[in-house]
Amino acid sequence: MELHAKYIVNEDGKPTSVIIPIDKFREIVETYGIDLTDEEKESISKVRVFRKRNDKDELEREYTDLDNT
């Protein structure tokens, strides 16, 4: 990912903030799950454990059908 940023500096010339294009910001948020709630992050962690154990019953219970939400 190429990122073009504009830095905002204080009176001493030290960076205090950065401006990045909105499309890159959205990409970062979606890629790293920054927009997920704590509940969603916990659910993802649980499912990773179930997948690692190949626990199909637990995976089935945790599955959310997005068409029915």
PDB file of N, CA and C in Angstrom:
ATOM      1  N   MET A   1       0.855  -1.170   0.000  1.00  0.00           N
ATOM      2  CA  MET A   1       0.000   0.000   0.000  1.00  0.00           C
ATOM      3  C   MET A   1       0.899   1.231   0.000  1.00  0.00           C
ATOM      4  N   GLU A   2       0.616   2.103  -0.907  1.00  0.00           N
ATOM      5  CA  GLU A   2       1.337   3.374  -0.968  1.00  0.00           C
ATOM      6  C   GLU A   2       0.493   4.416  -0.246  1.00  0.00           C
ATOM      7  N   LEU A   3       1.133   5.189   0.615  1.00  0.00           N
ATOM      8  CA  LEU A   3       0.401   6.145   1.418  1.00  0.00           C
ATOM      9  C   LEU A   3       1.051   7.521   1.298  1.00  0.00           C
ATOM     10  N   HIS A   4       0.274   8.469   0.797  1.00  0.00           N
ATOM     11  CA  HIS A   4       0.745   9.848   0.704  1.00  0.00           C
ATOM     12  C   HIS A   4       0.112  10.619   1.849  1.00  0.00           C
ATOM     13  N   ALA A   5       0.952  11.122   2.736  1.00  0.00           N
ATOM     14  CA  ALA A   5       0.444  11.799   3.926  1.00  0.00           C
ATOM     15  C   ALA A   5       0.952  13.238   3.969  1.00  0.00           C
ATOM     16  N   LYS A   6       0.135  14.078   4.586  1.00  0.00           N
ATOM     17  CA  LYS A   6       0.524  15.462   4.838  1.00  0.00           C
ATOM     18  C   LYS A   6       0.662  15.614   6.344  1.00  0.00           C
ATOM     19  N   TYR A   7       1.800  16.110   6.784  1.00  0.00           N
ATOM     20  CA  TYR A   7       2.062  16.262   8.208  1.00  0.00           C
ATOM     21  C   TYR A   7       1.747  17.674   8.676  1.00  0.00           C
ATOM     22  N   ILE A   8       1.136  17.749   9.834  1.00  0.00           N
ATOM     23  CA  ILE A   8       0.873  19.036  10.475  1.00  0.00           C
ATOM     24  C   ILE A   8       1.865  19.137  11.626  1.00  0.00           C
ATOM     25  N   VAL A   9       2.587  20.243  11.664  1.00  0.00           N
ATOM     26  CA  VAL A   9       3.627  20.403  12.681  1.00  0.00           C
ATOM     27  C   VAL A   9       3.290  21.559  13.623  1.00  0.00           C
ATOM     28  N   ASN A  10       3.870  21.508  14.824  1.00  0.00           N
ATOM     29  CA  ASN A  10       3.669  22.595  15.775  1.00  0.00           C
ATOM     30  C   ASN A  10       4.701  23.699  15.537  1.00  0.00           C
ATOM     31  N   GLU A  11       4.742  24.671  16.436  1.00  0.00           N
ATOM     32  CA  GLU A  11       5.665  25.817  16.273  1.00  0.00           C
ATOM     33  C   GLU A  11       7.125  25.384  16.240  1.00  0.00           C
ATOM     34  N   ASP A  12       7.440  24.254  16.867  1.00  0.00           N
ATOM     35  CA  ASP A  12       8.819  23.757  16.904  1.00  0.00           C
ATOM     36  C   ASP A  12       9.160  22.887  15.702  1.00  0.00           C
ATOM     37  N   GLY A  13       8.190  22.699  14.821  1.00  0.00           N
ATOM     38  CA  GLY A  13       8.418  21.881  13.642  1.00  0.00           C
ATOM     39  C   GLY A  13       8.237  20.396  13.878  1.00  0.00           C
ATOM     40  N   LYS A  14       7.705  20.012  15.054  1.00  0.00           N
ATOM     41  CA  LYS A  14       7.490  18.598  15.362  1.00  0.00           C
ATOM     42  C   LYS A  14       6.102  18.180  14.872  1.00  0.00           C
ATOM     43  N   PRO A  15       6.019  17.024  14.223  1.00  0.00           N
ATOM     44  CA  PRO A  15       4.721  16.552  13.736  1.00  0.00           C
ATOM     45  C   PRO A  15       3.734  16.332  14.890  1.00  0.00           C
ATOM     46  N   THR A  16       2.526  16.805  14.710  1.00  0.00           N
ATOM     47  CA  THR A  16       1.484  16.616  15.718  1.00  0.00           C
ATOM     48  C   THR A  16       0.294  15.837  15.165  1.00  0.00           C
ATOM     49  N   SER A  17       0.090  15.882  13.863  1.00  0.00           N
ATOM     50  CA  SER A  17      -1.027  15.195  13.217  1.00  0.00           C
ATOM     51  C   SER A  17      -0.624  14.851  11.789  1.00  0.00           C
ATOM     52  N   VAL A  18      -1.454  13.999  11.191  1.00  0.00           N
ATOM     53  CA  VAL A  18      -1.207  13.620   9.810  1.00  0.00           C
ATOM     54  C   VAL A  18      -2.542  13.555   9.084  1.00  0.00           C
ATOM     55  N   ILE A  19      -2.523  13.942   7.824  1.00  0.00           N
ATOM     56  CA  ILE A  19      -3.705  13.874   6.980  1.00  0.00           C
ATOM     57  C   ILE A  19      -3.419  12.839   5.895  1.00  0.00           C
ATOM     58  N   ILE A  20      -4.351  11.860   5.764  1.00  0.00           N
ATOM     59  CA  ILE A  20      -4.223  10.857   4.707  1.00  0.00           C
ATOM     60  C   ILE A  20      -5.514  10.845   3.893  1.00  0.00           C
ATOM     61  N   PRO A  21      -5.435  10.407   2.656  1.00  0.00           N
ATOM     62  CA  PRO A  21      -6.643  10.347   1.828  1.00  0.00           C
ATOM     63  C   PRO A  21      -7.698   9.427   2.460  1.00  0.00           C
ATOM     64  N   ILE A  22      -8.945   9.794   2.354  1.00  0.00           N
ATOM     65  CA  ILE A  22     -10.037   9.060   2.982  1.00  0.00           C
ATOM     66  C   ILE A  22     -10.112   7.623   2.492  1.00  0.00           C
ATOM     67  N   ASP A  23      -9.844   7.372   1.220  1.00  0.00           N
ATOM     68  CA  ASP A  23      -9.916   5.998   0.728  1.00  0.00           C
ATOM     69  C   ASP A  23      -8.856   5.118   1.380  1.00  0.00           C
ATOM     70  N   LYS A  24      -7.679   5.665   1.632  1.00  0.00           N
ATOM     71  CA  LYS A  24      -6.622   4.910   2.315  1.00  0.00           C
ATOM     72  C   LYS A  24      -6.988   4.691   3.781  1.00  0.00           C
ATOM     73  N   PHE A  25      -7.583   5.706   4.405  1.00  0.00           N
ATOM     74  CA  PHE A  25      -8.034   5.578   5.781  1.00  0.00           C
ATOM     75  C   PHE A  25      -9.060   4.452   5.906  1.00  0.00           C
ATOM     76  N   ARG A  26     -10.027   4.430   5.009  1.00  0.00           N
ATOM     77  CA  ARG A  26     -11.051   3.378   5.035  1.00  0.00           C
ATOM     78  C   ARG A  26     -10.426   1.997   4.829  1.00  0.00           C
ATOM     79  N   GLU A  27      -9.465   1.930   3.921  1.00  0.00           N
ATOM     80  CA  GLU A  27      -8.784   0.665   3.663  1.00  0.00           C
ATOM     81  C   GLU A  27      -8.065   0.166   4.918  1.00  0.00           C
ATOM     82  N   ILE A  28      -7.407   1.058   5.615  1.00  0.00           N
ATOM     83  CA  ILE A  28      -6.709   0.698   6.855  1.00  0.00           C
ATOM     84  C   ILE A  28      -7.704   0.231   7.908  1.00  0.00           C
ATOM     85  N   VAL A  29      -8.786   0.966   8.078  1.00  0.00           N
ATOM     86  CA  VAL A  29      -9.809   0.617   9.071  1.00  0.00           C
ATOM     87  C   VAL A  29     -10.383  -0.763   8.782  1.00  0.00           C
ATOM     88  N   GLU A  30     -10.719  -1.030   7.539  1.00  0.00           N
ATOM     89  CA  GLU A  30     -11.316  -2.314   7.181  1.00  0.00           C
ATOM     90  C   GLU A  30     -10.309  -3.454   7.250  1.00  0.00           C
ATOM     91  N   THR A  31      -9.084  -3.209   6.824  1.00  0.00           N
ATOM     92  CA  THR A  31      -8.059  -4.245   6.829  1.00  0.00           C
ATOM     93  C   THR A  31      -7.712  -4.689   8.244  1.00  0.00           C
ATOM     94  N   TYR A  32      -7.590  -3.738   9.151  1.00  0.00           N
ATOM     95  CA  TYR A  32      -7.152  -4.055  10.506  1.00  0.00           C
ATOM     96  C   TYR A  32      -8.294  -4.148  11.511  1.00  0.00           C
ATOM     97  N   GLY A  33      -9.525  -4.030  11.061  1.00  0.00           N
ATOM     98  CA  GLY A  33     -10.669  -4.211  11.938  1.00  0.00           C
ATOM     99  C   GLY A  33     -10.812  -3.145  13.001  1.00  0.00           C
ATOM    100  N   ILE A  34     -10.312  -1.969  12.740  1.00  0.00           N
ATOM    101  CA  ILE A  34     -10.363  -0.889  13.715  1.00  0.00           C
ATOM    102  C   ILE A  34     -11.797  -0.495  14.035  1.00  0.00           C
ATOM    103  N   ASP A  35     -12.696  -0.718  13.099  1.00  0.00           N
ATOM    104  CA  ASP A  35     -14.089  -0.318  13.284  1.00  0.00           C
ATOM    105  C   ASP A  35     -14.940  -1.386  13.976  1.00  0.00           C
ATOM    106  N   LEU A  36     -14.344  -2.518  14.352  1.00  0.00           N
ATOM    107  CA  LEU A  36     -15.097  -3.590  14.985  1.00  0.00           C
ATOM    108  C   LEU A  36     -15.362  -3.283  16.458  1.00  0.00           C
ATOM    109  N   THR A  37     -16.507  -3.743  16.949  1.00  0.00           N
ATOM    110  CA  THR A  37     -16.829  -3.585  18.364  1.00  0.00           C
ATOM    111  C   THR A  37     -16.046  -4.639  19.159  1.00  0.00           C
ATOM    112  N   ASP A  38     -15.985  -4.465  20.465  1.00  0.00           N
ATOM    113  CA  ASP A  38     -15.321  -5.459  21.314  1.00  0.00           C
ATOM    114  C   ASP A  38     -16.002  -6.816  21.188  1.00  0.00           C
ATOM    115  N   GLU A  39     -17.318  -6.807  21.084  1.00  0.00           N
ATOM    116  CA  GLU A  39     -18.070  -8.056  20.934  1.00  0.00           C
ATOM    117  C   GLU A  39     -17.696  -8.774  19.633  1.00  0.00           C
ATOM    118  N   GLU A  40     -17.574  -8.024  18.550  1.00  0.00           N
ATOM    119  CA  GLU A  40     -17.194  -8.619  17.265  1.00  0.00           C
ATOM    120  C   GLU A  40     -15.775  -9.181  17.322  1.00  0.00           C
ATOM    121  N   LYS A  41     -14.855  -8.447  17.945  1.00  0.00           N
ATOM    122  CA  LYS A  41     -13.473  -8.927  18.073  1.00  0.00           C
ATOM    123  C   LYS A  41     -13.416 -10.213  18.891  1.00  0.00           C
ATOM    124  N   GLU A  42     -14.200 -10.272  19.975  1.00  0.00           N
ATOM    125  CA  GLU A  42     -14.237 -11.467  20.814  1.00  0.00           C
ATOM    126  C   GLU A  42     -14.785 -12.659  20.032  1.00  0.00           C
ATOM    127  N   SER A  43     -15.826 -12.435  19.258  1.00  0.00           N
ATOM    128  CA  SER A  43     -16.409 -13.499  18.450  1.00  0.00           C
ATOM    129  C   SER A  43     -15.399 -14.037  17.440  1.00  0.00           C
ATOM    130  N   ILE A  44     -14.673 -13.156  16.810  1.00  0.00           N
ATOM    131  CA  ILE A  44     -13.646 -13.569  15.839  1.00  0.00           C
ATOM    132  C   ILE A  44     -12.580 -14.408  16.521  1.00  0.00           C
ATOM    133  N   SER A  45     -12.161 -13.996  17.706  1.00  0.00           N
ATOM    134  CA  SER A  45     -11.144 -14.754  18.442  1.00  0.00           C
ATOM    135  C   SER A  45     -11.636 -16.150  18.796  1.00  0.00           C
ATOM    136  N   LYS A  46     -12.910 -16.242  19.242  1.00  0.00           N
ATOM    137  CA  LYS A  46     -13.480 -17.545  19.576  1.00  0.00           C
ATOM    138  C   LYS A  46     -13.500 -18.455  18.360  1.00  0.00           C
ATOM    139  N   VAL A  47     -13.948 -17.921  17.246  1.00  0.00           N
ATOM    140  CA  VAL A  47     -14.065 -18.733  16.037  1.00  0.00           C
ATOM    141  C   VAL A  47     -12.691 -19.204  15.563  1.00  0.00           C
ATOM    142  N   ARG A  48     -11.674 -18.385  15.731  1.00  0.00           N
ATOM    143  CA  ARG A  48     -10.313 -18.816  15.351  1.00  0.00           C
ATOM    144  C   ARG A  48      -9.899 -20.053  16.139  1.00  0.00           C
ATOM    145  N   VAL A  49     -10.223 -20.072  17.440  1.00  0.00           N
ATOM    146  CA  VAL A  49      -9.913 -21.231  18.276  1.00  0.00           C
ATOM    147  C   VAL A  49     -10.677 -22.452  17.787  1.00  0.00           C
ATOM    148  N   PHE A  50     -11.955 -22.293  17.475  1.00  0.00           N
ATOM    149  CA  PHE A  50     -12.763 -23.407  16.984  1.00  0.00           C
ATOM    150  C   PHE A  50     -12.211 -23.950  15.668  1.00  0.00           C
ATOM    151  N   ARG A  51     -11.786 -23.047  14.802  1.00  0.00           N
ATOM    152  CA  ARG A  51     -11.220 -23.496  13.513  1.00  0.00           C
ATOM    153  C   ARG A  51      -9.923 -24.261  13.738  1.00  0.00           C
ATOM    154  N   LYS A  52      -9.100 -23.746  14.643  1.00  0.00           N
ATOM    155  CA  LYS A  52      -7.831 -24.401  14.927  1.00  0.00           C
ATOM    156  C   LYS A  52      -8.060 -25.816  15.457  1.00  0.00           C
ATOM    157  N   ARG A  53      -9.099 -25.983  16.283  1.00  0.00           N
ATOM    158  CA  ARG A  53      -9.437 -27.302  16.844  1.00  0.00           C
ATOM    159  C   ARG A  53     -10.272 -28.126  15.875  1.00  0.00           C
ATOM    160  N   ASN A  54     -10.681 -27.524  14.773  1.00  0.00           N
ATOM    161  CA  ASN A  54     -11.566 -28.174  13.792  1.00  0.00           C
ATOM    162  C   ASN A  54     -12.866 -28.616  14.463  1.00  0.00           C
ATOM    163  N   ASP A  55     -13.403 -27.739  15.318  1.00  0.00           N
ATOM    164  CA  ASP A  55     -14.631 -28.010  16.068  1.00  0.00           C
ATOM    165  C   ASP A  55     -15.829 -27.520  15.258  1.00  0.00           C
ATOM    166  N   LYS A  56     -16.341 -28.398  14.421  1.00  0.00           N
ATOM    167  CA  LYS A  56     -17.411 -28.027  13.496  1.00  0.00           C
ATOM    168  C   LYS A  56     -18.722 -27.709  14.218  1.00  0.00           C
ATOM    169  N   ASP A  57     -18.984 -28.371  15.335  1.00  0.00           N
ATOM    170  CA  ASP A  57     -20.213 -28.094  16.089  1.00  0.00           C
ATOM    171  C   ASP A  57     -20.210 -26.662  16.632  1.00  0.00           C
ATOM    172  N   GLU A  58     -19.110 -26.259  17.232  1.00  0.00           N
ATOM    173  CA  GLU A  58     -19.012 -24.893  17.764  1.00  0.00           C
ATOM    174  C   GLU A  58     -19.042 -23.863  16.641  1.00  0.00           C
ATOM    175  N   LEU A  59     -18.390 -24.170  15.536  1.00  0.00           N
ATOM    176  CA  LEU A  59     -18.408 -23.258  14.394  1.00  0.00           C
ATOM    177  C   LEU A  59     -19.830 -23.067  13.883  1.00  0.00           C
ATOM    178  N   GLU A  60     -20.585 -24.154  13.843  1.00  0.00           N
ATOM    179  CA  GLU A  60     -21.969 -24.074  13.385  1.00  0.00           C
ATOM    180  C   GLU A  60     -22.804 -23.194  14.319  1.00  0.00           C
ATOM    181  N   ARG A  61     -22.582 -23.320  15.627  1.00  0.00           N
ATOM    182  CA  ARG A  61     -23.327 -22.505  16.599  1.00  0.00           C
ATOM    183  C   ARG A  61     -22.972 -21.023  16.493  1.00  0.00           C
ATOM    184  N   GLU A  62     -21.720 -20.729  16.153  1.00  0.00           N
ATOM    185  CA  GLU A  62     -21.270 -19.341  16.061  1.00  0.00           C
ATOM    186  C   GLU A  62     -21.587 -18.688  14.722  1.00  0.00           C
ATOM    187  N   TYR A  63     -21.956 -19.484  13.739  1.00  0.00           N
ATOM    188  CA  TYR A  63     -22.212 -18.972  12.388  1.00  0.00           C
ATOM    189  C   TYR A  63     -23.382 -18.002  12.387  1.00  0.00           C
ATOM    190  N   THR A  64     -23.190 -16.904  11.693  1.00  0.00           N
ATOM    191  CA  THR A  64     -24.267 -15.922  11.514  1.00  0.00           C
ATOM    192  C   THR A  64     -24.601 -15.834  10.038  1.00  0.00           C
ATOM    193  N   ASP A  65     -25.826 -16.145   9.715  1.00  0.00           N
ATOM    194  CA  ASP A  65     -26.284 -16.041   8.341  1.00  0.00           C
ATOM    195  C   ASP A  65     -26.659 -14.587   8.067  1.00  0.00           C
ATOM    196  N   LEU A  66     -25.855 -13.894   7.307  1.00  0.00           N
ATOM    197  CA  LEU A  66     -26.061 -12.459   7.082  1.00  0.00           C
ATOM    198  C   LEU A  66     -27.338 -12.174   6.315  1.00  0.00           C
ATOM    199  N   ASP A  67     -27.838 -13.143   5.596  1.00  0.00           N
ATOM    200  CA  ASP A  67     -29.102 -12.951   4.869  1.00  0.00           C
ATOM    201  C   ASP A  67     -30.298 -12.910   5.812  1.00  0.00           C
ATOM    202  N   ASN A  68     -30.131 -13.416   7.018  1.00  0.00           N
ATOM    203  CA  ASN A  68     -31.234 -13.478   7.971  1.00  0.00           C
ATOM    204  C   ASN A  68     -31.062 -12.492   9.129  1.00  0.00           C
ATOM    205  N   THR A  69     -30.232 -11.485   8.968  1.00  0.00           N
ATOM    206  CA  THR A  69     -30.039 -10.510  10.055  1.00  0.00           C
ATOM    207  C   THR A  69     -30.802  -9.246   9.785  1.00  0.00           C
TER     208      THR A  69
END
